[in-house]
Amino acid sequence: MSTRKPEDRVELLQGTLDVLILRTLLFGPAHGHAIVKAIESNSEEVLQVEQGSLYPALHRLIKRGWISAEEGISENNRRAKYYKLTARGRRQLQVETAKWEKLARAIARILKPAGEEANS
């Protein structure tokens, strides 16, 4: 359970969840609940992923060929669908990561213009 207040959480921008899922699956196959927990814990509970967002994103990534899915058994000895990054998904992760890094730098330049650091 998160110790963060709801107002400390940040809503994900359109397309952000896809790259976060790809990055999470870079470490190996995982089922939906494990993907959600990894994103939440790696963001120090700032990002919260709702099931209503997760599963459509997973289906979208499968359709694009960036991930695959197969049935397996979870840690709780229950049937679960495991998602795995494909070679195409690995390449796309590099593309998406570069886009997000470029976007983050651009936003940082706007939020903290050059010369303003000394005045803060």
PDB file of N, CA and C in Angstrom:
ATOM      1  N   MET A   1       0.838  -1.193   0.000  1.00  0.00           N
ATOM      2  CA  MET A   1       0.000   0.000   0.000  1.00  0.00           C
ATOM      3  C   MET A   1       0.871   1.240   0.000  1.00  0.00           C
ATOM      4  N   SER A   2       0.537   2.185  -0.803  1.00  0.00           N
ATOM      5  CA  SER A   2       1.324   3.398  -0.949  1.00  0.00           C
ATOM      6  C   SER A   2       1.142   4.314   0.254  1.00  0.00           C
ATOM      7  N   THR A   3       2.241   4.956   0.645  1.00  0.00           N
ATOM      8  CA  THR A   3       2.167   5.940   1.715  1.00  0.00           C
ATOM      9  C   THR A   3       1.975   7.337   1.145  1.00  0.00           C
ATOM     10  N   ARG A   4       1.992   7.456  -0.156  1.00  0.00           N
ATOM     11  CA  ARG A   4       1.813   8.760  -0.800  1.00  0.00           C
ATOM     12  C   ARG A   4       0.340   9.160  -0.792  1.00  0.00           C
ATOM     13  N   LYS A   5       0.134  10.456  -0.637  1.00  0.00           N
ATOM     14  CA  LYS A   5      -1.220  10.991  -0.711  1.00  0.00           C
ATOM     15  C   LYS A   5      -1.643  11.030  -2.186  1.00  0.00           C
ATOM     16  N   PRO A   6      -2.939  10.937  -2.445  1.00  0.00           N
ATOM     17  CA  PRO A   6      -3.403  10.968  -3.838  1.00  0.00           C
ATOM     18  C   PRO A   6      -2.888  12.181  -4.611  1.00  0.00           C
ATOM     19  N   GLU A   7      -2.764  13.336  -3.965  1.00  0.00           N
ATOM     20  CA  GLU A   7      -2.307  14.535  -4.679  1.00  0.00           C
ATOM     21  C   GLU A   7      -0.817  14.484  -5.026  1.00  0.00           C
ATOM     22  N   ASP A   8      -0.073  13.524  -4.441  1.00  0.00           N
ATOM     23  CA  ASP A   8       1.346  13.345  -4.772  1.00  0.00           C
ATOM     24  C   ASP A   8       1.538  12.474  -6.003  1.00  0.00           C
ATOM     25  N   ARG A   9       0.479  11.846  -6.468  1.00  0.00           N
ATOM     26  CA  ARG A   9       0.575  10.969  -7.636  1.00  0.00           C
ATOM     27  C   ARG A   9       0.457  11.794  -8.906  1.00  0.00           C
ATOM     28  N   VAL A  10       1.021  11.278  -9.971  1.00  0.00           N
ATOM     29  CA  VAL A  10       1.032  11.975 -11.251  1.00  0.00           C
ATOM     30  C   VAL A  10       0.305  11.127 -12.287  1.00  0.00           C
ATOM     31  N   GLU A  11      -0.589  11.756 -13.039  1.00  0.00           N
ATOM     32  CA  GLU A  11      -1.282  11.032 -14.108  1.00  0.00           C
ATOM     33  C   GLU A  11      -0.322  10.827 -15.270  1.00  0.00           C
ATOM     34  N   LEU A  12      -0.429   9.673 -15.906  1.00  0.00           N
ATOM     35  CA  LEU A  12       0.433   9.362 -17.032  1.00  0.00           C
ATOM     36  C   LEU A  12      -0.063  10.061 -18.297  1.00  0.00           C
ATOM     37  N   LEU A  13       0.864  10.617 -19.056  1.00  0.00           N
ATOM     38  CA  LEU A  13       0.524  11.215 -20.338  1.00  0.00           C
ATOM     39  C   LEU A  13       0.217  10.116 -21.345  1.00  0.00           C
ATOM     40  N   GLN A  14      -0.552  10.457 -22.365  1.00  0.00           N
ATOM     41  CA  GLN A  14      -0.873   9.517 -23.429  1.00  0.00           C
ATOM     42  C   GLN A  14       0.416   8.930 -23.995  1.00  0.00           C
ATOM     43  N   GLY A  15       0.492   7.627 -24.102  1.00  0.00           N
ATOM     44  CA  GLY A  15       1.670   6.974 -24.659  1.00  0.00           C
ATOM     45  C   GLY A  15       2.747   6.630 -23.644  1.00  0.00           C
ATOM     46  N   THR A  16       2.678   7.228 -22.471  1.00  0.00           N
ATOM     47  CA  THR A  16       3.704   6.975 -21.449  1.00  0.00           C
ATOM     48  C   THR A  16       3.645   5.539 -20.965  1.00  0.00           C
ATOM     49  N   LEU A  17       2.456   5.031 -20.756  1.00  0.00           N
ATOM     50  CA  LEU A  17       2.306   3.683 -20.219  1.00  0.00           C
ATOM     51  C   LEU A  17       2.958   2.653 -21.132  1.00  0.00           C
ATOM     52  N   ASP A  18       2.834   2.832 -22.441  1.00  0.00           N
ATOM     53  CA  ASP A  18       3.427   1.879 -23.377  1.00  0.00           C
ATOM     54  C   ASP A  18       4.925   1.742 -23.153  1.00  0.00           C
ATOM     55  N   VAL A  19       5.628   2.869 -23.070  1.00  0.00           N
ATOM     56  CA  VAL A  19       7.084   2.817 -22.895  1.00  0.00           C
ATOM     57  C   VAL A  19       7.452   2.269 -21.514  1.00  0.00           C
ATOM     58  N   LEU A  20       6.638   2.550 -20.509  1.00  0.00           N
ATOM     59  CA  LEU A  20       6.913   2.011 -19.170  1.00  0.00           C
ATOM     60  C   LEU A  20       6.742   0.496 -19.143  1.00  0.00           C
ATOM     61  N   ILE A  21       5.753  -0.003 -19.854  1.00  0.00           N
ATOM     62  CA  ILE A  21       5.553  -1.458 -19.942  1.00  0.00           C
ATOM     63  C   ILE A  21       6.727  -2.094 -20.678  1.00  0.00           C
ATOM     64  N   LEU A  22       7.120  -1.506 -21.810  1.00  0.00           N
ATOM     65  CA  LEU A  22       8.255  -2.057 -22.560  1.00  0.00           C
ATOM     66  C   LEU A  22       9.507  -2.092 -21.685  1.00  0.00           C
ATOM     67  N   ARG A  23       9.751  -1.021 -20.965  1.00  0.00           N
ATOM     68  CA  ARG A  23      10.941  -0.947 -20.100  1.00  0.00           C
ATOM     69  C   ARG A  23      10.864  -1.996 -18.995  1.00  0.00           C
ATOM     70  N   THR A  24       9.709  -2.176 -18.420  1.00  0.00           N
ATOM     71  CA  THR A  24       9.526  -3.165 -17.355  1.00  0.00           C
ATOM     72  C   THR A  24       9.797  -4.570 -17.882  1.00  0.00           C
ATOM     73  N   LEU A  25       9.325  -4.861 -19.077  1.00  0.00           N
ATOM     74  CA  LEU A  25       9.501  -6.198 -19.653  1.00  0.00           C
ATOM     75  C   LEU A  25      10.917  -6.443 -20.164  1.00  0.00           C
ATOM     76  N   LEU A  26      11.736  -5.406 -20.208  1.00  0.00           N
ATOM     77  CA  LEU A  26      13.137  -5.571 -20.595  1.00  0.00           C
ATOM     78  C   LEU A  26      13.843  -6.521 -19.627  1.00  0.00           C
ATOM     79  N   PHE A  27      13.378  -6.580 -18.391  1.00  0.00           N
ATOM     80  CA  PHE A  27      13.994  -7.418 -17.360  1.00  0.00           C
ATOM     81  C   PHE A  27      13.499  -8.855 -17.385  1.00  0.00           C
ATOM     82  N   GLY A  28      12.504  -9.144 -18.221  1.00  0.00           N
ATOM     83  CA  GLY A  28      11.995 -10.500 -18.343  1.00  0.00           C
ATOM     84  C   GLY A  28      10.483 -10.524 -18.355  1.00  0.00           C
ATOM     85  N   PRO A  29       9.905 -11.683 -18.699  1.00  0.00           N
ATOM     86  CA  PRO A  29       8.448 -11.813 -18.765  1.00  0.00           C
ATOM     87  C   PRO A  29       7.792 -11.515 -17.415  1.00  0.00           C
ATOM     88  N   ALA A  30       6.586 -10.988 -17.474  1.00  0.00           N
ATOM     89  CA  ALA A  30       5.843 -10.679 -16.250  1.00  0.00           C
ATOM     90  C   ALA A  30       4.354 -10.701 -16.545  1.00  0.00           C
ATOM     91  N   HIS A  31       3.569 -10.986 -15.511  1.00  0.00           N
ATOM     92  CA  HIS A  31       2.110 -10.910 -15.659  1.00  0.00           C
ATOM     93  C   HIS A  31       1.656  -9.494 -15.313  1.00  0.00           C
ATOM     94  N   GLY A  32       0.408  -9.196 -15.618  1.00  0.00           N
ATOM     95  CA  GLY A  32      -0.114  -7.843 -15.459  1.00  0.00           C
ATOM     96  C   GLY A  32       0.099  -7.240 -14.090  1.00  0.00           C
ATOM     97  N   HIS A  33      -0.215  -7.985 -13.045  1.00  0.00           N
ATOM     98  CA  HIS A  33      -0.073  -7.450 -11.681  1.00  0.00           C
ATOM     99  C   HIS A  33       1.385  -7.114 -11.380  1.00  0.00           C
ATOM    100  N   ALA A  34       2.310  -7.949 -11.832  1.00  0.00           N
ATOM    101  CA  ALA A  34       3.740  -7.703 -11.594  1.00  0.00           C
ATOM    102  C   ALA A  34       4.204  -6.460 -12.353  1.00  0.00           C
ATOM    103  N   ILE A  35       3.670  -6.245 -13.556  1.00  0.00           N
ATOM    104  CA  ILE A  35       4.020  -5.048 -14.327  1.00  0.00           C
ATOM    105  C   ILE A  35       3.584  -3.799 -13.573  1.00  0.00           C
ATOM    106  N   VAL A  36       2.345  -3.802 -13.085  1.00  0.00           N
ATOM    107  CA  VAL A  36       1.811  -2.667 -12.330  1.00  0.00           C
ATOM    108  C   VAL A  36       2.670  -2.402 -11.101  1.00  0.00           C
ATOM    109  N   LYS A  37       2.969  -3.438 -10.339  1.00  0.00           N
ATOM    110  CA  LYS A  37       3.762  -3.278  -9.109  1.00  0.00           C
ATOM    111  C   LYS A  37       5.157  -2.749  -9.422  1.00  0.00           C
ATOM    112  N   ALA A  38       5.771  -3.218 -10.503  1.00  0.00           N
ATOM    113  CA  ALA A  38       7.110  -2.755 -10.874  1.00  0.00           C
ATOM    114  C   ALA A  38       7.087  -1.266 -11.223  1.00  0.00           C
ATOM    115  N   ILE A  39       6.108  -0.847 -12.014  1.00  0.00           N
ATOM    116  CA  ILE A  39       6.012   0.570 -12.391  1.00  0.00           C
ATOM    117  C   ILE A  39       5.778   1.429 -11.159  1.00  0.00           C
ATOM    118  N   GLU A  40       4.869   1.000 -10.306  1.00  0.00           N
ATOM    119  CA  GLU A  40       4.568   1.784  -9.108  1.00  0.00           C
ATOM    120  C   GLU A  40       5.772   1.858  -8.172  1.00  0.00           C
ATOM    121  N   SER A  41       6.426   0.733  -7.918  1.00  0.00           N
ATOM    122  CA  SER A  41       7.556   0.759  -6.978  1.00  0.00           C
ATOM    123  C   SER A  41       8.759   1.485  -7.571  1.00  0.00           C
ATOM    124  N   ASN A  42       9.019   1.310  -8.866  1.00  0.00           N
ATOM    125  CA  ASN A  42      10.158   2.001  -9.489  1.00  0.00           C
ATOM    126  C   ASN A  42       9.951   3.505  -9.597  1.00  0.00           C
ATOM    127  N   SER A  43       8.696   3.944  -9.533  1.00  0.00           N
ATOM    128  CA  SER A  43       8.413   5.381  -9.557  1.00  0.00           C
ATOM    129  C   SER A  43       8.239   5.920  -8.133  1.00  0.00           C
ATOM    130  N   GLU A  44       8.609   5.110  -7.151  1.00  0.00           N
ATOM    131  CA  GLU A  44       8.438   5.466  -5.737  1.00  0.00           C
ATOM    132  C   GLU A  44       6.979   5.818  -5.441  1.00  0.00           C
ATOM    133  N   GLU A  45       6.084   5.058  -6.047  1.00  0.00           N
ATOM    134  CA  GLU A  45       4.636   5.164  -5.863  1.00  0.00           C
ATOM    135  C   GLU A  45       4.040   6.460  -6.403  1.00  0.00           C
ATOM    136  N   VAL A  46       4.789   7.210  -7.209  1.00  0.00           N
ATOM    137  CA  VAL A  46       4.251   8.430  -7.816  1.00  0.00           C
ATOM    138  C   VAL A  46       3.286   8.074  -8.937  1.00  0.00           C
ATOM    139  N   LEU A  47       3.654   7.059  -9.733  1.00  0.00           N
ATOM    140  CA  LEU A  47       2.801   6.637 -10.841  1.00  0.00           C
ATOM    141  C   LEU A  47       1.903   5.495 -10.401  1.00  0.00           C
ATOM    142  N   GLN A  48       0.638   5.607 -10.718  1.00  0.00           N
ATOM    143  CA  GLN A  48      -0.324   4.563 -10.401  1.00  0.00           C
ATOM    144  C   GLN A  48      -0.960   4.103 -11.704  1.00  0.00           C
ATOM    145  N   VAL A  49      -0.937   2.797 -11.924  1.00  0.00           N
ATOM    146  CA  VAL A  49      -1.485   2.230 -13.156  1.00  0.00           C
ATOM    147  C   VAL A  49      -2.784   1.506 -12.820  1.00  0.00           C
ATOM    148  N   GLU A  50      -3.850   1.934 -13.455  1.00  0.00           N
ATOM    149  CA  GLU A  50      -5.151   1.306 -13.250  1.00  0.00           C
ATOM    150  C   GLU A  50      -5.308   0.146 -14.227  1.00  0.00           C
ATOM    151  N   GLN A  51      -6.008  -0.908 -13.804  1.00  0.00           N
ATOM    152  CA  GLN A  51      -6.238  -2.049 -14.694  1.00  0.00           C
ATOM    153  C   GLN A  51      -6.959  -1.624 -15.962  1.00  0.00           C
ATOM    154  N   GLY A  52      -7.816  -0.626 -15.848  1.00  0.00           N
ATOM    155  CA  GLY A  52      -8.545  -0.127 -17.005  1.00  0.00           C
ATOM    156  C   GLY A  52      -7.639   0.512 -18.047  1.00  0.00           C
ATOM    157  N   SER A  53      -6.433   0.868 -17.651  1.00  0.00           N
ATOM    158  CA  SER A  53      -5.433   1.406 -18.581  1.00  0.00           C
ATOM    159  C   SER A  53      -4.437   0.339 -18.995  1.00  0.00           C
ATOM    160  N   LEU A  54      -4.076  -0.539 -18.051  1.00  0.00           N
ATOM    161  CA  LEU A  54      -3.040  -1.533 -18.307  1.00  0.00           C
ATOM    162  C   LEU A  54      -3.414  -2.499 -19.425  1.00  0.00           C
ATOM    163  N   TYR A  55      -4.559  -3.131 -19.313  1.00  0.00           N
ATOM    164  CA  TYR A  55      -4.892  -4.190 -20.259  1.00  0.00           C
ATOM    165  C   TYR A  55      -5.117  -3.683 -21.684  1.00  0.00           C
ATOM    166  N   PRO A  56      -5.749  -2.535 -21.884  1.00  0.00           N
ATOM    167  CA  PRO A  56      -5.804  -2.006 -23.250  1.00  0.00           C
ATOM    168  C   PRO A  56      -4.393  -1.712 -23.806  1.00  0.00           C
ATOM    169  N   ALA A  57      -3.496  -1.224 -22.953  1.00  0.00           N
ATOM    170  CA  ALA A  57      -2.122  -0.955 -23.399  1.00  0.00           C
ATOM    171  C   ALA A  57      -1.421  -2.259 -23.770  1.00  0.00           C
ATOM    172  N   LEU A  58      -1.594  -3.302 -22.964  1.00  0.00           N
ATOM    173  CA  LEU A  58      -0.975  -4.595 -23.275  1.00  0.00           C
ATOM    174  C   LEU A  58      -1.501  -5.139 -24.604  1.00  0.00           C
ATOM    175  N   HIS A  59      -2.798  -5.037 -24.837  1.00  0.00           N
ATOM    176  CA  HIS A  59      -3.385  -5.507 -26.096  1.00  0.00           C
ATOM    177  C   HIS A  59      -2.856  -4.697 -27.281  1.00  0.00           C
ATOM    178  N   ARG A  60      -2.711  -3.399 -27.073  1.00  0.00           N
ATOM    179  CA  ARG A  60      -2.181  -2.527 -28.126  1.00  0.00           C
ATOM    180  C   ARG A  60      -0.737  -2.926 -28.475  1.00  0.00           C
ATOM    181  N   LEU A  61       0.068  -3.210 -27.452  1.00  0.00           N
ATOM    182  CA  LEU A  61       1.466  -3.591 -27.675  1.00  0.00           C
ATOM    183  C   LEU A  61       1.575  -4.958 -28.357  1.00  0.00           C
ATOM    184  N   ILE A  62       0.674  -5.866 -28.015  1.00  0.00           N
ATOM    185  CA  ILE A  62       0.642  -7.175 -28.697  1.00  0.00           C
ATOM    186  C   ILE A  62       0.300  -6.969 -30.170  1.00  0.00           C
ATOM    187  N   LYS A  63      -0.709  -6.153 -30.426  1.00  0.00           N
ATOM    188  CA  LYS A  63      -1.150  -5.898 -31.798  1.00  0.00           C
ATOM    189  C   LYS A  63      -0.024  -5.294 -32.637  1.00  0.00           C
ATOM    190  N   ARG A  64       0.804  -4.464 -32.028  1.00  0.00           N
ATOM    191  CA  ARG A  64       1.930  -3.841 -32.737  1.00  0.00           C
ATOM    192  C   ARG A  64       3.121  -4.789 -32.879  1.00  0.00           C
ATOM    193  N   GLY A  65       3.055  -5.930 -32.192  1.00  0.00           N
ATOM    194  CA  GLY A  65       4.153  -6.885 -32.268  1.00  0.00           C
ATOM    195  C   GLY A  65       5.315  -6.548 -31.361  1.00  0.00           C
ATOM    196  N   TRP A  66       5.105  -5.648 -30.402  1.00  0.00           N
ATOM    197  CA  TRP A  66       6.182  -5.230 -29.504  1.00  0.00           C
ATOM    198  C   TRP A  66       6.309  -6.149 -28.292  1.00  0.00           C
ATOM    199  N   ILE A  67       5.210  -6.840 -27.955  1.00  0.00           N
ATOM    200  CA  ILE A  67       5.252  -7.835 -26.890  1.00  0.00           C
ATOM    201  C   ILE A  67       4.462  -9.061 -27.345  1.00  0.00           C
ATOM    202  N   SER A  68       4.705 -10.178 -26.677  1.00  0.00           N
ATOM    203  CA  SER A  68       3.912 -11.386 -26.921  1.00  0.00           C
ATOM    204  C   SER A  68       3.350 -11.830 -25.575  1.00  0.00           C
ATOM    205  N   ALA A  69       2.399 -12.743 -25.621  1.00  0.00           N
ATOM    206  CA  ALA A  69       1.774 -13.228 -24.392  1.00  0.00           C
ATOM    207  C   ALA A  69       1.631 -14.737 -24.442  1.00  0.00           C
ATOM    208  N   GLU A  70       1.799 -15.362 -23.282  1.00  0.00           N
ATOM    209  CA  GLU A  70       1.532 -16.804 -23.189  1.00  0.00           C
ATOM    210  C   GLU A  70       1.044 -17.121 -21.782  1.00  0.00           C
ATOM    211  N   GLU A  71       0.275 -18.192 -21.711  1.00  0.00           N
ATOM    212  CA  GLU A  71      -0.289 -18.623 -20.432  1.00  0.00           C
ATOM    213  C   GLU A  71       0.794 -19.229 -19.552  1.00  0.00           C
ATOM    214  N   GLY A  72       0.661 -19.014 -18.259  1.00  0.00           N
ATOM    215  CA  GLY A  72       1.593 -19.588 -17.301  1.00  0.00           C
ATOM    216  C   GLY A  72       0.944 -19.678 -15.935  1.00  0.00           C
ATOM    217  N   ILE A  73       1.737 -20.016 -14.947  1.00  0.00           N
ATOM    218  CA  ILE A  73       1.260 -20.116 -13.567  1.00  0.00           C
ATOM    219  C   ILE A  73       1.978 -19.052 -12.735  1.00  0.00           C
ATOM    220  N   SER A  74       1.205 -18.277 -11.971  1.00  0.00           N
ATOM    221  CA  SER A  74       1.765 -17.200 -11.151  1.00  0.00           C
ATOM    222  C   SER A  74       2.380 -17.747  -9.863  1.00  0.00           C
ATOM    223  N   GLU A  75       2.969 -16.837  -9.103  1.00  0.00           N
ATOM    224  CA  GLU A  75       3.559 -17.197  -7.811  1.00  0.00           C
ATOM    225  C   GLU A  75       2.514 -17.780  -6.861  1.00  0.00           C
ATOM    226  N   ASN A  76       1.252 -17.381  -7.051  1.00  0.00           N
ATOM    227  CA  ASN A  76       0.144 -17.855  -6.210  1.00  0.00           C
ATOM    228  C   ASN A  76      -0.451 -19.156  -6.728  1.00  0.00           C
ATOM    229  N   ASN A  77       0.232 -19.785  -7.684  1.00  0.00           N
ATOM    230  CA  ASN A  77      -0.223 -21.030  -8.282  1.00  0.00           C
ATOM    231  C   ASN A  77      -1.562 -20.864  -9.020  1.00  0.00           C
ATOM    232  N   ARG A  78      -1.725 -19.693  -9.638  1.00  0.00           N
ATOM    233  CA  ARG A  78      -2.928 -19.410 -10.413  1.00  0.00           C
ATOM    234  C   ARG A  78      -2.538 -19.193 -11.866  1.00  0.00           C
ATOM    235  N   ARG A  79      -3.486 -19.461 -12.744  1.00  0.00           N
ATOM    236  CA  ARG A  79      -3.236 -19.194 -14.163  1.00  0.00           C
ATOM    237  C   ARG A  79      -3.062 -17.700 -14.382  1.00  0.00           C
ATOM    238  N   ALA A  80      -2.087 -17.362 -15.207  1.00  0.00           N
ATOM    239  CA  ALA A  80      -1.842 -15.952 -15.504  1.00  0.00           C
ATOM    240  C   ALA A  80      -1.289 -15.841 -16.919  1.00  0.00           C
ATOM    241  N   LYS A  81      -1.511 -14.699 -17.525  1.00  0.00           N
ATOM    242  CA  LYS A  81      -0.935 -14.439 -18.838  1.00  0.00           C
ATOM    243  C   LYS A  81       0.378 -13.691 -18.603  1.00  0.00           C
ATOM    244  N   TYR A  82       1.450 -14.214 -19.175  1.00  0.00           N
ATOM    245  CA  TYR A  82       2.768 -13.600 -19.050  1.00  0.00           C
ATOM    246  C   TYR A  82       3.100 -12.867 -20.347  1.00  0.00           C
ATOM    247  N   TYR A  83       3.580 -11.647 -20.204  1.00  0.00           N
ATOM    248  CA  TYR A  83       3.912 -10.799 -21.329  1.00  0.00           C
ATOM    249  C   TYR A  83       5.428 -10.737 -21.462  1.00  0.00           C
ATOM    250  N   LYS A  84       5.891 -10.760 -22.710  1.00  0.00           N
ATOM    251  CA  LYS A  84       7.324 -10.814 -22.982  1.00  0.00           C
ATOM    252  C   LYS A  84       7.661  -9.820 -24.085  1.00  0.00           C
ATOM    253  N   LEU A  85       8.763  -9.120 -23.937  1.00  0.00           N
ATOM    254  CA  LEU A  85       9.233  -8.175 -24.937  1.00  0.00           C
ATOM    255  C   LEU A  85       9.753  -8.936 -26.156  1.00  0.00           C
ATOM    256  N   THR A  86       9.368  -8.511 -27.337  1.00  0.00           N
ATOM    257  CA  THR A  86       9.862  -9.130 -28.572  1.00  0.00           C
ATOM    258  C   THR A  86      11.090  -8.347 -29.059  1.00  0.00           C
ATOM    259  N   ALA A  87      11.784  -8.884 -30.048  1.00  0.00           N
ATOM    260  CA  ALA A  87      12.934  -8.180 -30.632  1.00  0.00           C
ATOM    261  C   ALA A  87      12.475  -6.829 -31.200  1.00  0.00           C
ATOM    262  N   ARG A  88      11.328  -6.838 -31.840  1.00  0.00           N
ATOM    263  CA  ARG A  88      10.761  -5.593 -32.378  1.00  0.00           C
ATOM    264  C   ARG A  88      10.452  -4.606 -31.247  1.00  0.00           C
ATOM    265  N   GLY A  89       9.975  -5.136 -30.126  1.00  0.00           N
ATOM    266  CA  GLY A  89       9.689  -4.301 -28.962  1.00  0.00           C
ATOM    267  C   GLY A  89      10.953  -3.703 -28.359  1.00  0.00           C
ATOM    268  N   ARG A  90      12.038  -4.467 -28.359  1.00  0.00           N
ATOM    269  CA  ARG A  90      13.328  -3.943 -27.861  1.00  0.00           C
ATOM    270  C   ARG A  90      13.786  -2.761 -28.713  1.00  0.00           C
ATOM    271  N   ARG A  91      13.657  -2.909 -30.015  1.00  0.00           N
ATOM    272  CA  ARG A  91      14.040  -1.806 -30.910  1.00  0.00           C
ATOM    273  C   ARG A  91      13.143  -0.595 -30.679  1.00  0.00           C
ATOM    274  N   GLN A  92      11.841  -0.847 -30.506  1.00  0.00           N
ATOM    275  CA  GLN A  92      10.907   0.257 -30.286  1.00  0.00           C
ATOM    276  C   GLN A  92      11.169   0.935 -28.948  1.00  0.00           C
ATOM    277  N   LEU A  93      11.573   0.179 -27.957  1.00  0.00           N
ATOM    278  CA  LEU A  93      11.900   0.764 -26.651  1.00  0.00           C
ATOM    279  C   LEU A  93      13.025   1.783 -26.807  1.00  0.00           C
ATOM    280  N   GLN A  94      14.016   1.488 -27.620  1.00  0.00           N
ATOM    281  CA  GLN A  94      15.109   2.440 -27.854  1.00  0.00           C
ATOM    282  C   GLN A  94      14.586   3.719 -28.511  1.00  0.00           C
ATOM    283  N   VAL A  95      13.711   3.556 -29.489  1.00  0.00           N
ATOM    284  CA  VAL A  95      13.122   4.705 -30.181  1.00  0.00           C
ATOM    285  C   VAL A  95      12.304   5.550 -29.204  1.00  0.00           C
ATOM    286  N   GLU A  96      11.437   4.881 -28.445  1.00  0.00           N
ATOM    287  CA  GLU A  96      10.563   5.594 -27.504  1.00  0.00           C
ATOM    288  C   GLU A  96      11.356   6.262 -26.385  1.00  0.00           C
ATOM    289  N   THR A  97      12.398   5.598 -25.908  1.00  0.00           N
ATOM    290  CA  THR A  97      13.231   6.179 -24.852  1.00  0.00           C
ATOM    291  C   THR A  97      13.900   7.455 -25.350  1.00  0.00           C
ATOM    292  N   ALA A  98      14.425   7.429 -26.569  1.00  0.00           N
ATOM    293  CA  ALA A  98      15.052   8.620 -27.148  1.00  0.00           C
ATOM    294  C   ALA A  98      14.039   9.763 -27.262  1.00  0.00           C
ATOM    295  N   LYS A  99      12.806   9.445 -27.673  1.00  0.00           N
ATOM    296  CA  LYS A  99      11.768  10.471 -27.782  1.00  0.00           C
ATOM    297  C   LYS A  99      11.465  11.096 -26.421  1.00  0.00           C
ATOM    298  N   TRP A 100      11.328  10.238 -25.396  1.00  0.00           N
ATOM    299  CA  TRP A 100      11.002  10.747 -24.062  1.00  0.00           C
ATOM    300  C   TRP A 100      12.152  11.554 -23.471  1.00  0.00           C
ATOM    301  N   GLU A 101      13.379  11.143 -23.725  1.00  0.00           N
ATOM    302  CA  GLU A 101      14.525  11.918 -23.230  1.00  0.00           C
ATOM    303  C   GLU A 101      14.562  13.292 -23.890  1.00  0.00           C
ATOM    304  N   LYS A 102      14.285  13.348 -25.198  1.00  0.00           N
ATOM    305  CA  LYS A 102      14.244  14.624 -25.920  1.00  0.00           C
ATOM    306  C   LYS A 102      13.122  15.510 -25.371  1.00  0.00           C
ATOM    307  N   LEU A 103      11.948  14.921 -25.146  1.00  0.00           N
ATOM    308  CA  LEU A 103      10.821  15.663 -24.591  1.00  0.00           C
ATOM    309  C   LEU A 103      11.144  16.196 -23.196  1.00  0.00           C
ATOM    310  N   ALA A 104      11.742  15.362 -22.348  1.00  0.00           N
ATOM    311  CA  ALA A 104      12.081  15.766 -20.979  1.00  0.00           C
ATOM    312  C   ALA A 104      13.075  16.932 -20.990  1.00  0.00           C
ATOM    313  N   ARG A 105      14.073  16.875 -21.889  1.00  0.00           N
ATOM    314  CA  ARG A 105      15.041  17.978 -21.975  1.00  0.00           C
ATOM    315  C   ARG A 105      14.348  19.267 -22.411  1.00  0.00           C
ATOM    316  N   ALA A 106      13.438  19.169 -23.375  1.00  0.00           N
ATOM    317  CA  ALA A 106      12.725  20.352 -23.862  1.00  0.00           C
ATOM    318  C   ALA A 106      11.864  20.963 -22.761  1.00  0.00           C
ATOM    319  N   ILE A 107      11.165  20.124 -22.018  1.00  0.00           N
ATOM    320  CA  ILE A 107      10.319  20.621 -20.928  1.00  0.00           C
ATOM    321  C   ILE A 107      11.192  21.246 -19.836  1.00  0.00           C
ATOM    322  N   ALA A 108      12.314  20.604 -19.520  1.00  0.00           N
ATOM    323  CA  ALA A 108      13.228  21.145 -18.507  1.00  0.00           C
ATOM    324  C   ALA A 108      13.738  22.524 -18.917  1.00  0.00           C
ATOM    325  N   ARG A 109      14.021  22.709 -20.217  1.00  0.00           N
ATOM    326  CA  ARG A 109      14.500  24.022 -20.684  1.00  0.00           C
ATOM    327  C   ARG A 109      13.423  25.087 -20.504  1.00  0.00           C
ATOM    328  N   ILE A 110      12.173  24.712 -20.678  1.00  0.00           N
ATOM    329  CA  ILE A 110      11.083  25.675 -20.516  1.00  0.00           C
ATOM    330  C   ILE A 110      10.850  25.981 -19.037  1.00  0.00           C
ATOM    331  N   LEU A 111      10.873  24.948 -18.209  1.00  0.00           N
ATOM    332  CA  LEU A 111      10.615  25.146 -16.782  1.00  0.00           C
ATOM    333  C   LEU A 111      11.754  25.874 -16.078  1.00  0.00           C
ATOM    334  N   LYS A 112      12.970  25.696 -16.572  1.00  0.00           N
ATOM    335  CA  LYS A 112      14.137  26.313 -15.945  1.00  0.00           C
ATOM    336  C   LYS A 112      15.040  26.886 -17.034  1.00  0.00           C
ATOM    337  N   PRO A 113      14.652  28.016 -17.615  1.00  0.00           N
ATOM    338  CA  PRO A 113      15.447  28.601 -18.707  1.00  0.00           C
ATOM    339  C   PRO A 113      16.876  28.923 -18.267  1.00  0.00           C
ATOM    340  N   ALA A 114      17.813  28.903 -19.228  1.00  0.00           N
ATOM    341  CA  ALA A 114      19.211  29.232 -18.951  1.00  0.00           C
ATOM    342  C   ALA A 114      19.297  30.615 -18.319  1.00  0.00           C
ATOM    343  N   GLY A 115      20.161  30.761 -17.332  1.00  0.00           N
ATOM    344  CA  GLY A 115      20.330  32.037 -16.651  1.00  0.00           C
ATOM    345  C   GLY A 115      19.401  32.194 -15.466  1.00  0.00           C
ATOM    346  N   GLU A 116      18.382  31.365 -15.374  1.00  0.00           N
ATOM    347  CA  GLU A 116      17.433  31.475 -14.265  1.00  0.00           C
ATOM    348  C   GLU A 116      17.907  30.724 -13.037  1.00  0.00           C
ATOM    349  N   GLU A 117      18.877  29.784 -13.222  1.00  0.00           N
ATOM    350  CA  GLU A 117      19.353  28.967 -12.107  1.00  0.00           C
ATOM    351  C   GLU A 117      19.911  29.827 -10.987  1.00  0.00           C
ATOM    352  N   ALA A 118      20.636  30.882 -11.319  1.00  0.00           N
ATOM    353  CA  ALA A 118      21.272  31.738 -10.310  1.00  0.00           C
ATOM    354  C   ALA A 118      20.243  32.497  -9.495  1.00  0.00           C
ATOM    355  N   ASN A 119      19.077  32.732 -10.055  1.00  0.00           N
ATOM    356  CA  ASN A 119      18.039  33.494  -9.356  1.00  0.00           C
ATOM    357  C   ASN A 119      17.176  32.618  -8.452  1.00  0.00           C
ATOM    358  N   SER A 120      17.328  31.292  -8.515  1.00  0.00           N
ATOM    359  CA  SER A 120      16.462  30.414  -7.740  1.00  0.00           C
ATOM    360  C   SER A 120      16.925  30.304  -6.324  1.00  0.00           C
TER     361      SER A 120
END
